[in-house]
Structure formats: structure tokens, C-alpha cells
């Protein structure tokens, strides 16, 4: 089962650590050999809650790399 992760890389999210989220997912994906599709998107309309991610259609904002990986683990 594929998990779809979208990470906002708009200015507020970028400034609040969006790249750390992308790096964490890529590292977890390689380590766990999970089927995770990651996509950087320009905006998820959650600027006040930056950084924002969407996991299988649900938006989470703000989130940390650890919280994002925990969400992914739950969905695996």
C-alpha cells in the first residue's frame, strides 16, 4: 500500500523547516523500504501552521519530522 505525502515548500513552510520533513521521509523510506510517494507542493493553505504536510489526503500543520514519521508508521 502506497502512502502519499505532500510537503508544502511555500515560503512560510520553507522557513519553518519543510526541507527537514522531506529529508526525514526520504531517510525513513530508504531505511524501511516502505512504499512512500513524496511530493513537494507550493502551498497547502496552512501558512499559519507552517510547516504543513498532507498524508493520504489529511493535512497536518504544524508538524515536526518525528511527528510526520510517526504518522507514516501508523498508516503502514
Protein backbone atom coordinates (compact mmCIF):
# COMPACT_ATOMS: atom_id res chain seq x y z
CA UNK A 1 0.00 0.00 0.00
CA UNK A 2 1.44 3.33 -1.06
CA UNK A 3 1.37 6.30 1.28
CA UNK A 4 1.17 9.71 -0.38
CA UNK A 5 2.94 12.56 1.40
CA UNK A 6 2.82 16.15 0.20
CA UNK A 7 5.11 18.66 1.87
CA UNK A 8 4.45 22.35 1.45
CA UNK A 9 7.56 24.25 0.39
CA UNK A 10 5.98 27.71 0.20
CA UNK A 11 7.90 30.50 1.92
CA UNK A 12 6.41 30.14 5.44
CA UNK A 13 6.78 26.35 5.40
CA UNK A 14 10.26 26.55 3.91
CA UNK A 15 11.34 28.97 6.65
CA UNK A 16 9.85 26.71 9.33
CA UNK A 17 11.68 23.56 8.22
CA UNK A 18 9.91 21.93 5.28
CA UNK A 19 13.21 20.57 3.95
CA UNK A 20 13.76 18.74 7.26
CA UNK A 21 10.41 16.99 6.71
CA UNK A 22 11.38 15.95 3.19
CA UNK A 23 14.77 14.71 4.37
CA UNK A 24 13.18 12.71 7.21
CA UNK A 25 10.71 10.99 4.87
CA UNK A 26 13.41 10.17 2.32
CA UNK A 27 15.65 8.74 5.05
CA UNK A 28 12.80 6.68 6.53
CA UNK A 29 11.77 5.49 3.07
CA UNK A 30 15.27 4.18 2.31
CA UNK A 31 15.72 2.65 5.76
CA UNK A 32 12.33 0.92 5.94
CA UNK A 33 11.89 0.14 2.25
CA UNK A 34 8.33 1.46 2.59
CA UNK A 35 6.24 2.49 -0.39
CA UNK A 36 6.03 6.24 0.19
CA UNK A 37 5.36 8.76 -2.56
CA UNK A 38 6.66 12.17 -1.53
CA UNK A 39 5.86 15.36 -3.38
CA UNK A 40 6.90 18.95 -2.70
CA UNK A 41 3.98 21.30 -3.32
CA UNK A 42 3.86 25.08 -3.45
CA UNK A 43 1.07 25.54 -0.90
CA UNK A 44 -1.39 23.63 1.28
CA UNK A 45 -3.17 26.80 2.51
CA UNK A 46 -1.96 26.28 6.09
CA UNK A 47 0.56 29.14 6.29
CA UNK A 48 -0.29 29.96 9.92
CA UNK A 49 0.53 26.37 10.87
CA UNK A 50 3.78 26.02 8.96
CA UNK A 51 5.30 23.63 8.15
CA UNK A 52 2.35 21.78 6.68
CA UNK A 53 2.08 18.29 5.23
CA UNK A 54 -0.65 16.19 3.71
CA UNK A 55 -0.60 12.45 4.37
CA UNK A 56 -3.09 10.40 2.36
CA UNK A 57 -5.33 13.44 1.95
CA UNK A 58 -5.27 14.66 5.57
CA UNK A 59 -3.46 17.91 6.39
CA UNK A 60 -1.29 18.22 9.48
CA UNK A 61 0.10 21.60 10.49
CA UNK A 62 2.37 22.34 12.13
CA UNK A 63 4.34 19.13 12.19
CA UNK A 64 7.85 18.01 13.04
CA UNK A 65 9.93 15.34 11.31
CA UNK A 66 9.27 12.93 14.22
CA UNK A 67 5.52 13.56 14.13
CA UNK A 68 5.47 13.02 10.37
CA UNK A 69 7.36 9.72 10.60
CA UNK A 70 5.03 8.59 13.41
CA UNK A 71 2.01 9.37 11.18
CA UNK A 72 3.55 7.38 8.35
CA UNK A 73 4.27 4.42 10.64
CA UNK A 74 0.63 4.37 11.75
CA UNK A 75 -0.51 4.23 8.12
CA UNK A 76 1.89 1.43 7.14
